[in-house]
Amino acid sequence: MIARSPEIYTWLEQHLTPEVIKKHFREIAMGEVERFEAPNLLALNFILHDSLGGCGSGSLKTDAQGKTHGLGVLFLELDVPDELVPSTDG
């Protein structure tokens, strides 16, 4: 997950927890969810252990499971404060 601003990153750090990700992926993530913070990139990286049958998430390499999880997290809904949402006005 990459934030568009330091303010959004700070908010995500507080609200996008391993528990939130585990709940979102509860049907496919049977193991622990680890979160790695990269504040210099304004990014959070998650590893879902024992997911989609296991094995694939044991590697840190980009793989098909990572792409599946990346797409899946796009369906996660969070209530973000209005002041953090960029305006679409031209």
PDB file of N, CA and C in Angstrom:
ATOM      1  N   MET A   1       0.862  -1.145   0.000  1.00  0.00           N
ATOM      2  CA  MET A   1       0.000   0.000   0.000  1.00  0.00           C
ATOM      3  C   MET A   1       0.911   1.211   0.000  1.00  0.00           C
ATOM      4  N   ILE A   2       0.723   2.100  -0.974  1.00  0.00           N
ATOM      5  CA  ILE A   2       1.532   3.309  -1.061  1.00  0.00           C
ATOM      6  C   ILE A   2       0.627   4.522  -0.879  1.00  0.00           C
ATOM      7  N   ALA A   3       0.993   5.383   0.046  1.00  0.00           N
ATOM      8  CA  ALA A   3       0.217   6.594   0.322  1.00  0.00           C
ATOM      9  C   ALA A   3       0.654   7.715  -0.620  1.00  0.00           C
ATOM     10  N   ARG A   4      -0.265   8.613  -0.895  1.00  0.00           N
ATOM     11  CA  ARG A   4       0.036   9.745  -1.772  1.00  0.00           C
ATOM     12  C   ARG A   4       0.603  10.944  -1.031  1.00  0.00           C
ATOM     13  N   SER A   5       0.569  10.903   0.295  1.00  0.00           N
ATOM     14  CA  SER A   5       1.112  12.019   1.075  1.00  0.00           C
ATOM     15  C   SER A   5       1.544  11.494   2.448  1.00  0.00           C
ATOM     16  N   PRO A   6       2.423  12.237   3.118  1.00  0.00           N
ATOM     17  CA  PRO A   6       2.821  11.835   4.473  1.00  0.00           C
ATOM     18  C   PRO A   6       1.631  11.766   5.431  1.00  0.00           C
ATOM     19  N   GLU A   7       0.647  12.642   5.251  1.00  0.00           N
ATOM     20  CA  GLU A   7      -0.524  12.643   6.119  1.00  0.00           C
ATOM     21  C   GLU A   7      -1.335  11.358   5.953  1.00  0.00           C
ATOM     22  N   ILE A   8      -1.500  10.937   4.710  1.00  0.00           N
ATOM     23  CA  ILE A   8      -2.238   9.691   4.451  1.00  0.00           C
ATOM     24  C   ILE A   8      -1.446   8.499   4.990  1.00  0.00           C
ATOM     25  N   TYR A   9      -0.127   8.525   4.822  1.00  0.00           N
ATOM     26  CA  TYR A   9       0.704   7.438   5.348  1.00  0.00           C
ATOM     27  C   TYR A   9       0.530   7.314   6.866  1.00  0.00           C
ATOM     28  N   THR A  10       0.569   8.439   7.558  1.00  0.00           N
ATOM     29  CA  THR A  10       0.398   8.413   9.018  1.00  0.00           C
ATOM     30  C   THR A  10      -0.953   7.821   9.387  1.00  0.00           C
ATOM     31  N   TRP A  11      -1.987   8.200   8.648  1.00  0.00           N
ATOM     32  CA  TRP A  11      -3.319   7.665   8.913  1.00  0.00           C
ATOM     33  C   TRP A  11      -3.357   6.159   8.645  1.00  0.00           C
ATOM     34  N   LEU A  12      -2.764   5.734   7.536  1.00  0.00           N
ATOM     35  CA  LEU A  12      -2.735   4.301   7.216  1.00  0.00           C
ATOM     36  C   LEU A  12      -1.963   3.513   8.262  1.00  0.00           C
ATOM     37  N   GLU A  13      -0.862   4.067   8.753  1.00  0.00           N
ATOM     38  CA  GLU A  13      -0.088   3.392   9.803  1.00  0.00           C
ATOM     39  C   GLU A  13      -0.959   3.072  11.009  1.00  0.00           C
ATOM     40  N   GLN A  14      -1.858   3.982  11.333  1.00  0.00           N
ATOM     41  CA  GLN A  14      -2.708   3.810  12.503  1.00  0.00           C
ATOM     42  C   GLN A  14      -3.909   2.905  12.234  1.00  0.00           C
ATOM     43  N   HIS A  15      -4.419   2.909  11.004  1.00  0.00           N
ATOM     44  CA  HIS A  15      -5.688   2.236  10.727  1.00  0.00           C
ATOM     45  C   HIS A  15      -5.592   0.981   9.854  1.00  0.00           C
ATOM     46  N   LEU A  16      -4.553   0.854   9.066  1.00  0.00           N
ATOM     47  CA  LEU A  16      -4.408  -0.328   8.210  1.00  0.00           C
ATOM     48  C   LEU A  16      -3.464  -1.302   8.905  1.00  0.00           C
ATOM     49  N   THR A  17      -4.019  -1.991   9.863  1.00  0.00           N
ATOM     50  CA  THR A  17      -3.242  -2.884  10.726  1.00  0.00           C
ATOM     51  C   THR A  17      -3.258  -4.311  10.175  1.00  0.00           C
ATOM     52  N   PRO A  18      -2.356  -5.152  10.664  1.00  0.00           N
ATOM     53  CA  PRO A  18      -2.412  -6.558  10.272  1.00  0.00           C
ATOM     54  C   PRO A  18      -3.772  -7.198  10.576  1.00  0.00           C
ATOM     55  N   GLU A  19      -4.405  -6.767  11.667  1.00  0.00           N
ATOM     56  CA  GLU A  19      -5.714  -7.316  12.025  1.00  0.00           C
ATOM     57  C   GLU A  19      -6.775  -6.947  10.981  1.00  0.00           C
ATOM     58  N   VAL A  20      -6.725  -5.727  10.465  1.00  0.00           N
ATOM     59  CA  VAL A  20      -7.667  -5.295   9.427  1.00  0.00           C
ATOM     60  C   VAL A  20      -7.461  -6.117   8.158  1.00  0.00           C
ATOM     61  N   ILE A  21      -6.198  -6.315   7.784  1.00  0.00           N
ATOM     62  CA  ILE A  21      -5.899  -7.100   6.580  1.00  0.00           C
ATOM     63  C   ILE A  21      -6.328  -8.551   6.775  1.00  0.00           C
ATOM     64  N   LYS A  22      -6.039  -9.117   7.952  1.00  0.00           N
ATOM     65  CA  LYS A  22      -6.421 -10.515   8.206  1.00  0.00           C
ATOM     66  C   LYS A  22      -7.939 -10.685   8.138  1.00  0.00           C
ATOM     67  N   LYS A  23      -8.672  -9.738   8.697  1.00  0.00           N
ATOM     68  CA  LYS A  23     -10.136  -9.820   8.644  1.00  0.00           C
ATOM     69  C   LYS A  23     -10.626  -9.726   7.192  1.00  0.00           C
ATOM     70  N   HIS A  24     -10.028  -8.840   6.423  1.00  0.00           N
ATOM     71  CA  HIS A  24     -10.433  -8.662   5.023  1.00  0.00           C
ATOM     72  C   HIS A  24     -10.188  -9.943   4.216  1.00  0.00           C
ATOM     73  N   PHE A  25      -9.074 -10.608   4.476  1.00  0.00           N
ATOM     74  CA  PHE A  25      -8.702 -11.824   3.747  1.00  0.00           C
ATOM     75  C   PHE A  25      -9.020 -13.093   4.544  1.00  0.00           C
ATOM     76  N   ARG A  26      -9.977 -13.015   5.456  1.00  0.00           N
ATOM     77  CA  ARG A  26     -10.256 -14.129   6.383  1.00  0.00           C
ATOM     78  C   ARG A  26     -10.562 -15.452   5.691  1.00  0.00           C
ATOM     79  N   GLU A  27     -11.072 -15.420   4.487  1.00  0.00           N
ATOM     80  CA  GLU A  27     -11.415 -16.671   3.802  1.00  0.00           C
ATOM     81  C   GLU A  27     -10.217 -17.341   3.144  1.00  0.00           C
ATOM     82  N   ILE A  28      -9.118 -16.597   2.955  1.00  0.00           N
ATOM     83  CA  ILE A  28      -7.955 -17.195   2.300  1.00  0.00           C
ATOM     84  C   ILE A  28      -6.671 -17.107   3.118  1.00  0.00           C
ATOM     85  N   ALA A  29      -6.629 -16.239   4.144  1.00  0.00           N
ATOM     86  CA  ALA A  29      -5.418 -16.071   4.959  1.00  0.00           C
ATOM     87  C   ALA A  29      -5.607 -16.802   6.282  1.00  0.00           C
ATOM     88  N   MET A  30      -5.026 -17.982   6.384  1.00  0.00           N
ATOM     89  CA  MET A  30      -5.209 -18.806   7.575  1.00  0.00           C
ATOM     90  C   MET A  30      -4.142 -18.576   8.635  1.00  0.00           C
ATOM     91  N   GLY A  31      -3.045 -17.938   8.263  1.00  0.00           N
ATOM     92  CA  GLY A  31      -1.949 -17.738   9.207  1.00  0.00           C
ATOM     93  C   GLY A  31      -1.805 -16.287   9.626  1.00  0.00           C
ATOM     94  N   GLU A  32      -0.653 -16.011  10.166  1.00  0.00           N
ATOM     95  CA  GLU A  32      -0.313 -14.681  10.650  1.00  0.00           C
ATOM     96  C   GLU A  32      -0.215 -13.686   9.488  1.00  0.00           C
ATOM     97  N   VAL A  33      -0.523 -12.430   9.777  1.00  0.00           N
ATOM     98  CA  VAL A  33      -0.323 -11.347   8.820  1.00  0.00           C
ATOM     99  C   VAL A  33       0.747 -10.430   9.406  1.00  0.00           C
ATOM    100  N   GLU A  34       1.820 -10.224   8.658  1.00  0.00           N
ATOM    101  CA  GLU A  34       2.902  -9.343   9.092  1.00  0.00           C
ATOM    102  C   GLU A  34       2.850  -8.055   8.292  1.00  0.00           C
ATOM    103  N   ARG A  35       3.157  -6.946   8.955  1.00  0.00           N
ATOM    104  CA  ARG A  35       3.229  -5.661   8.279  1.00  0.00           C
ATOM    105  C   ARG A  35       4.639  -5.115   8.379  1.00  0.00           C
ATOM    106  N   PHE A  36       5.134  -4.618   7.265  1.00  0.00           N
ATOM    107  CA  PHE A  36       6.441  -3.988   7.207  1.00  0.00           C
ATOM    108  C   PHE A  36       6.247  -2.547   6.762  1.00  0.00           C
ATOM    109  N   GLU A  37       6.812  -1.621   7.518  1.00  0.00           N
ATOM    110  CA  GLU A  37       6.664  -0.204   7.219  1.00  0.00           C
ATOM    111  C   GLU A  37       7.882   0.311   6.474  1.00  0.00           C
ATOM    112  N   ALA A  38       7.627   1.114   5.457  1.00  0.00           N
ATOM    113  CA  ALA A  38       8.682   1.775   4.695  1.00  0.00           C
ATOM    114  C   ALA A  38       8.333   3.263   4.624  1.00  0.00           C
ATOM    115  N   PRO A  39       8.546   3.994   5.729  1.00  0.00           N
ATOM    116  CA  PRO A  39       8.134   5.393   5.766  1.00  0.00           C
ATOM    117  C   PRO A  39       8.828   6.257   4.728  1.00  0.00           C
ATOM    118  N   ASN A  40      10.045   5.890   4.350  1.00  0.00           N
ATOM    119  CA  ASN A  40      10.749   6.667   3.331  1.00  0.00           C
ATOM    120  C   ASN A  40      10.070   6.552   1.965  1.00  0.00           C
ATOM    121  N   LEU A  41       9.276   5.498   1.767  1.00  0.00           N
ATOM    122  CA  LEU A  41       8.520   5.307   0.531  1.00  0.00           C
ATOM    123  C   LEU A  41       7.037   5.608   0.725  1.00  0.00           C
ATOM    124  N   LEU A  42       6.652   5.964   1.952  1.00  0.00           N
ATOM    125  CA  LEU A  42       5.243   6.151   2.322  1.00  0.00           C
ATOM    126  C   LEU A  42       4.453   4.881   2.012  1.00  0.00           C
ATOM    127  N   ALA A  43       5.036   3.738   2.349  1.00  0.00           N
ATOM    128  CA  ALA A  43       4.436   2.461   1.970  1.00  0.00           C
ATOM    129  C   ALA A  43       4.354   1.487   3.138  1.00  0.00           C
ATOM    130  N   LEU A  44       3.345   0.631   3.061  1.00  0.00           N
ATOM    131  CA  LEU A  44       3.178  -0.490   3.982  1.00  0.00           C
ATOM    132  C   LEU A  44       3.118  -1.756   3.146  1.00  0.00           C
ATOM    133  N   ASN A  45       3.845  -2.769   3.565  1.00  0.00           N
ATOM    134  CA  ASN A  45       3.850  -4.051   2.861  1.00  0.00           C
ATOM    135  C   ASN A  45       3.348  -5.122   3.827  1.00  0.00           C
ATOM    136  N   PHE A  46       2.497  -5.990   3.327  1.00  0.00           N
ATOM    137  CA  PHE A  46       1.931  -7.050   4.151  1.00  0.00           C
ATOM    138  C   PHE A  46       2.291  -8.409   3.585  1.00  0.00           C
ATOM    139  N   ILE A  47       2.590  -9.345   4.476  1.00  0.00           N
ATOM    140  CA  ILE A  47       2.787 -10.738   4.083  1.00  0.00           C
ATOM    141  C   ILE A  47       1.706 -11.545   4.792  1.00  0.00           C
ATOM    142  N   LEU A  48       0.947 -12.300   4.008  1.00  0.00           N
ATOM    143  CA  LEU A  48      -0.116 -13.151   4.535  1.00  0.00           C
ATOM    144  C   LEU A  48       0.408 -14.587   4.539  1.00  0.00           C
ATOM    145  N   HIS A  49       0.757 -15.079   5.701  1.00  0.00           N
ATOM    146  CA  HIS A  49       1.278 -16.436   5.825  1.00  0.00           C
ATOM    147  C   HIS A  49       0.135 -17.436   5.705  1.00  0.00           C
ATOM    148  N   ASP A  50       0.432 -18.583   5.148  1.00  0.00           N
ATOM    149  CA  ASP A  50      -0.558 -19.656   4.980  1.00  0.00           C
ATOM    150  C   ASP A  50      -1.794 -19.159   4.248  1.00  0.00           C
ATOM    151  N   SER A  51      -1.552 -18.476   3.160  1.00  0.00           N
ATOM    152  CA  SER A  51      -2.642 -17.927   2.370  1.00  0.00           C
ATOM    153  C   SER A  51      -2.757 -18.665   1.040  1.00  0.00           C
ATOM    154  N   LEU A  52      -3.973 -18.806   0.542  1.00  0.00           N
ATOM    155  CA  LEU A  52      -4.235 -19.483  -0.733  1.00  0.00           C
ATOM    156  C   LEU A  52      -3.584 -20.861  -0.779  1.00  0.00           C
ATOM    157  N   GLY A  53      -3.655 -21.570   0.326  1.00  0.00           N
ATOM    158  CA  GLY A  53      -3.104 -22.916   0.358  1.00  0.00           C
ATOM    159  C   GLY A  53      -1.663 -22.994   0.836  1.00  0.00           C
ATOM    160  N   GLY A  54      -1.048 -21.869   1.159  1.00  0.00           N
ATOM    161  CA  GLY A  54       0.306 -21.858   1.701  1.00  0.00           C
ATOM    162  C   GLY A  54       1.388 -21.860   0.647  1.00  0.00           C
ATOM    163  N   CYS A  55       2.600 -22.017   1.071  1.00  0.00           N
ATOM    164  CA  CYS A  55       3.828 -22.115   0.277  1.00  0.00           C
ATOM    165  C   CYS A  55       4.238 -20.807  -0.384  1.00  0.00           C
ATOM    166  N   GLY A  56       3.450 -20.265  -1.282  1.00  0.00           N
ATOM    167  CA  GLY A  56       3.843 -19.088  -2.044  1.00  0.00           C
ATOM    168  C   GLY A  56       4.187 -17.896  -1.186  1.00  0.00           C
ATOM    169  N   SER A  57       3.449 -17.697  -0.104  1.00  0.00           N
ATOM    170  CA  SER A  57       3.715 -16.527   0.732  1.00  0.00           C
ATOM    171  C   SER A  57       4.923 -16.726   1.635  1.00  0.00           C
ATOM    172  N   GLY A  58       5.573 -17.869   1.549  1.00  0.00           N
ATOM    173  CA  GLY A  58       6.810 -18.097   2.284  1.00  0.00           C
ATOM    174  C   GLY A  58       7.990 -17.418   1.636  1.00  0.00           C
ATOM    175  N   SER A  59       7.813 -16.939   0.425  1.00  0.00           N
ATOM    176  CA  SER A  59       8.864 -16.260  -0.322  1.00  0.00           C
ATOM    177  C   SER A  59       8.585 -14.768  -0.348  1.00  0.00           C
ATOM    178  N   LEU A  60       9.626 -13.954  -0.300  1.00  0.00           N
ATOM    179  CA  LEU A  60       9.462 -12.512  -0.385  1.00  0.00           C
ATOM    180  C   LEU A  60       9.477 -12.030  -1.832  1.00  0.00           C
ATOM    181  N   LYS A  61       9.607 -12.931  -2.783  1.00  0.00           N
ATOM    182  CA  LYS A  61       9.619 -12.558  -4.196  1.00  0.00           C
ATOM    183  C   LYS A  61       8.211 -12.191  -4.655  1.00  0.00           C
ATOM    184  N   THR A  62       8.144 -11.275  -5.631  1.00  0.00           N
ATOM    185  CA  THR A  62       6.859 -10.949  -6.235  1.00  0.00           C
ATOM    186  C   THR A  62       6.384 -12.189  -6.982  1.00  0.00           C
ATOM    187  N   ASP A  63       5.142 -12.548  -6.793  1.00  0.00           N
ATOM    188  CA  ASP A  63       4.622 -13.763  -7.412  1.00  0.00           C
ATOM    189  C   ASP A  63       3.140 -13.611  -7.698  1.00  0.00           C
ATOM    190  N   ALA A  64       2.544 -14.667  -8.202  1.00  0.00           N
ATOM    191  CA  ALA A  64       1.117 -14.636  -8.531  1.00  0.00           C
ATOM    192  C   ALA A  64       0.263 -14.416  -7.289  1.00  0.00           C
ATOM    193  N   GLN A  65       0.661 -14.989  -6.150  1.00  0.00           N
ATOM    194  CA  GLN A  65      -0.118 -14.764  -4.924  1.00  0.00           C
ATOM    195  C   GLN A  65      -0.083 -13.300  -4.528  1.00  0.00           C
ATOM    196  N   GLY A  66       1.077 -12.661  -4.670  1.00  0.00           N
ATOM    197  CA  GLY A  66       1.184 -11.240  -4.358  1.00  0.00           C
ATOM    198  C   GLY A  66       0.264 -10.412  -5.233  1.00  0.00           C
ATOM    199  N   LYS A  67       0.177 -10.769  -6.492  1.00  0.00           N
ATOM    200  CA  LYS A  67      -0.723 -10.054  -7.400  1.00  0.00           C
ATOM    201  C   LYS A  67      -2.183 -10.291  -7.007  1.00  0.00           C
ATOM    202  N   THR A  68      -2.508 -11.498  -6.614  1.00  0.00           N
ATOM    203  CA  THR A  68      -3.871 -11.809  -6.170  1.00  0.00           C
ATOM    204  C   THR A  68      -4.221 -11.006  -4.923  1.00  0.00           C
ATOM    205  N   HIS A  69      -3.309 -10.967  -3.969  1.00  0.00           N
ATOM    206  CA  HIS A  69      -3.551 -10.203  -2.745  1.00  0.00           C
ATOM    207  C   HIS A  69      -3.626  -8.711  -3.049  1.00  0.00           C
ATOM    208  N   GLY A  70      -2.775  -8.228  -3.946  1.00  0.00           N
ATOM    209  CA  GLY A  70      -2.801  -6.817  -4.329  1.00  0.00           C
ATOM    210  C   GLY A  70      -4.139  -6.414  -4.916  1.00  0.00           C
ATOM    211  N   LEU A  71      -4.684  -7.265  -5.761  1.00  0.00           N
ATOM    212  CA  LEU A  71      -6.004  -6.986  -6.322  1.00  0.00           C
ATOM    213  C   LEU A  71      -7.063  -7.060  -5.225  1.00  0.00           C
ATOM    214  N   GLY A  72      -6.955  -8.047  -4.370  1.00  0.00           N
ATOM    215  CA  GLY A  72      -7.937  -8.222  -3.300  1.00  0.00           C
ATOM    216  C   GLY A  72      -7.998  -7.042  -2.346  1.00  0.00           C
ATOM    217  N   VAL A  73      -6.837  -6.443  -2.046  1.00  0.00           N
ATOM    218  CA  VAL A  73      -6.825  -5.320  -1.098  1.00  0.00           C
ATOM    219  C   VAL A  73      -7.478  -4.074  -1.706  1.00  0.00           C
ATOM    220  N   LEU A  74      -7.579  -4.023  -3.031  1.00  0.00           N
ATOM    221  CA  LEU A  74      -8.278  -2.898  -3.664  1.00  0.00           C
ATOM    222  C   LEU A  74      -9.760  -2.877  -3.303  1.00  0.00           C
ATOM    223  N   PHE A  75     -10.288  -4.005  -2.866  1.00  0.00           N
ATOM    224  CA  PHE A  75     -11.695  -4.093  -2.467  1.00  0.00           C
ATOM    225  C   PHE A  75     -11.909  -3.802  -0.984  1.00  0.00           C
ATOM    226  N   LEU A  76     -10.831  -3.536  -0.249  1.00  0.00           N
ATOM    227  CA  LEU A  76     -10.927  -3.190   1.170  1.00  0.00           C
ATOM    228  C   LEU A  76     -11.425  -1.749   1.296  1.00  0.00           C
ATOM    229  N   GLU A  77     -12.479  -1.561   2.057  1.00  0.00           N
ATOM    230  CA  GLU A  77     -13.036  -0.229   2.265  1.00  0.00           C
ATOM    231  C   GLU A  77     -12.672   0.291   3.642  1.00  0.00           C
ATOM    232  N   LEU A  78     -12.161   1.512   3.669  1.00  0.00           N
ATOM    233  CA  LEU A  78     -11.815   2.191   4.911  1.00  0.00           C
ATOM    234  C   LEU A  78     -12.487   3.557   4.921  1.00  0.00           C
ATOM    235  N   ASP A  79     -12.917   4.016   6.077  1.00  0.00           N
ATOM    236  CA  ASP A  79     -13.505   5.346   6.209  1.00  0.00           C
ATOM    237  C   ASP A  79     -12.385   6.355   6.447  1.00  0.00           C
ATOM    238  N   VAL A  80     -11.947   6.964   5.361  1.00  0.00           N
ATOM    239  CA  VAL A  80     -10.853   7.930   5.409  1.00  0.00           C
ATOM    240  C   VAL A  80     -11.443   9.320   5.651  1.00  0.00           C
ATOM    241  N   PRO A  81     -10.855  10.100   6.553  1.00  0.00           N
ATOM    242  CA  PRO A  81     -11.357  11.451   6.789  1.00  0.00           C
ATOM    243  C   PRO A  81     -11.351  12.284   5.500  1.00  0.00           C
ATOM    244  N   ASP A  82     -12.387  13.077   5.311  1.00  0.00           N
ATOM    245  CA  ASP A  82     -12.534  13.886   4.097  1.00  0.00           C
ATOM    246  C   ASP A  82     -11.316  14.754   3.809  1.00  0.00           C
ATOM    247  N   GLU A  83     -10.704  15.294   4.855  1.00  0.00           N
ATOM    248  CA  GLU A  83      -9.561  16.201   4.644  1.00  0.00           C
ATOM    249  C   GLU A  83      -8.345  15.501   4.052  1.00  0.00           C
ATOM    250  N   LEU A  84      -8.306  14.169   4.107  1.00  0.00           N
ATOM    251  CA  LEU A  84      -7.183  13.427   3.521  1.00  0.00           C
ATOM    252  C   LEU A  84      -7.449  12.991   2.079  1.00  0.00           C
ATOM    253  N   VAL A  85      -8.686  13.114   1.640  1.00  0.00           N
ATOM    254  CA  VAL A  85      -9.052  12.677   0.288  1.00  0.00           C
ATOM    255  C   VAL A  85      -8.812  13.844  -0.666  1.00  0.00           C
ATOM    256  N   PRO A  86      -7.967  13.620  -1.698  1.00  0.00           N
ATOM    257  CA  PRO A  86      -7.704  14.699  -2.659  1.00  0.00           C
ATOM    258  C   PRO A  86      -8.969  15.151  -3.361  1.00  0.00           C
ATOM    259  N   SER A  87      -9.059  16.442  -3.595  1.00  0.00           N
ATOM    260  CA  SER A  87     -10.198  17.007  -4.305  1.00  0.00           C
ATOM    261  C   SER A  87     -10.111  16.657  -5.784  1.00  0.00           C
ATOM    262  N   THR A  88     -11.254  16.411  -6.398  1.00  0.00           N
ATOM    263  CA  THR A  88     -11.292  16.123  -7.843  1.00  0.00           C
ATOM    264  C   THR A  88     -11.639  17.378  -8.636  1.00  0.00           C
ATOM    265  N   ASP A  89     -11.781  18.509  -7.940  1.00  0.00           N
ATOM    266  CA  ASP A  89     -12.075  19.771  -8.632  1.00  0.00           C
ATOM    267  C   ASP A  89     -10.851  20.212  -9.434  1.00  0.00           C
ATOM    268  N   GLY A  90     -11.102  20.660 -10.639  1.00  0.00           N
ATOM    269  CA  GLY A  90     -10.038  21.029 -11.552  1.00  0.00           C
ATOM    270  C   GLY A  90      -9.406  22.300 -11.220  1.00  0.00           C
TER     271      GLY A  90
END
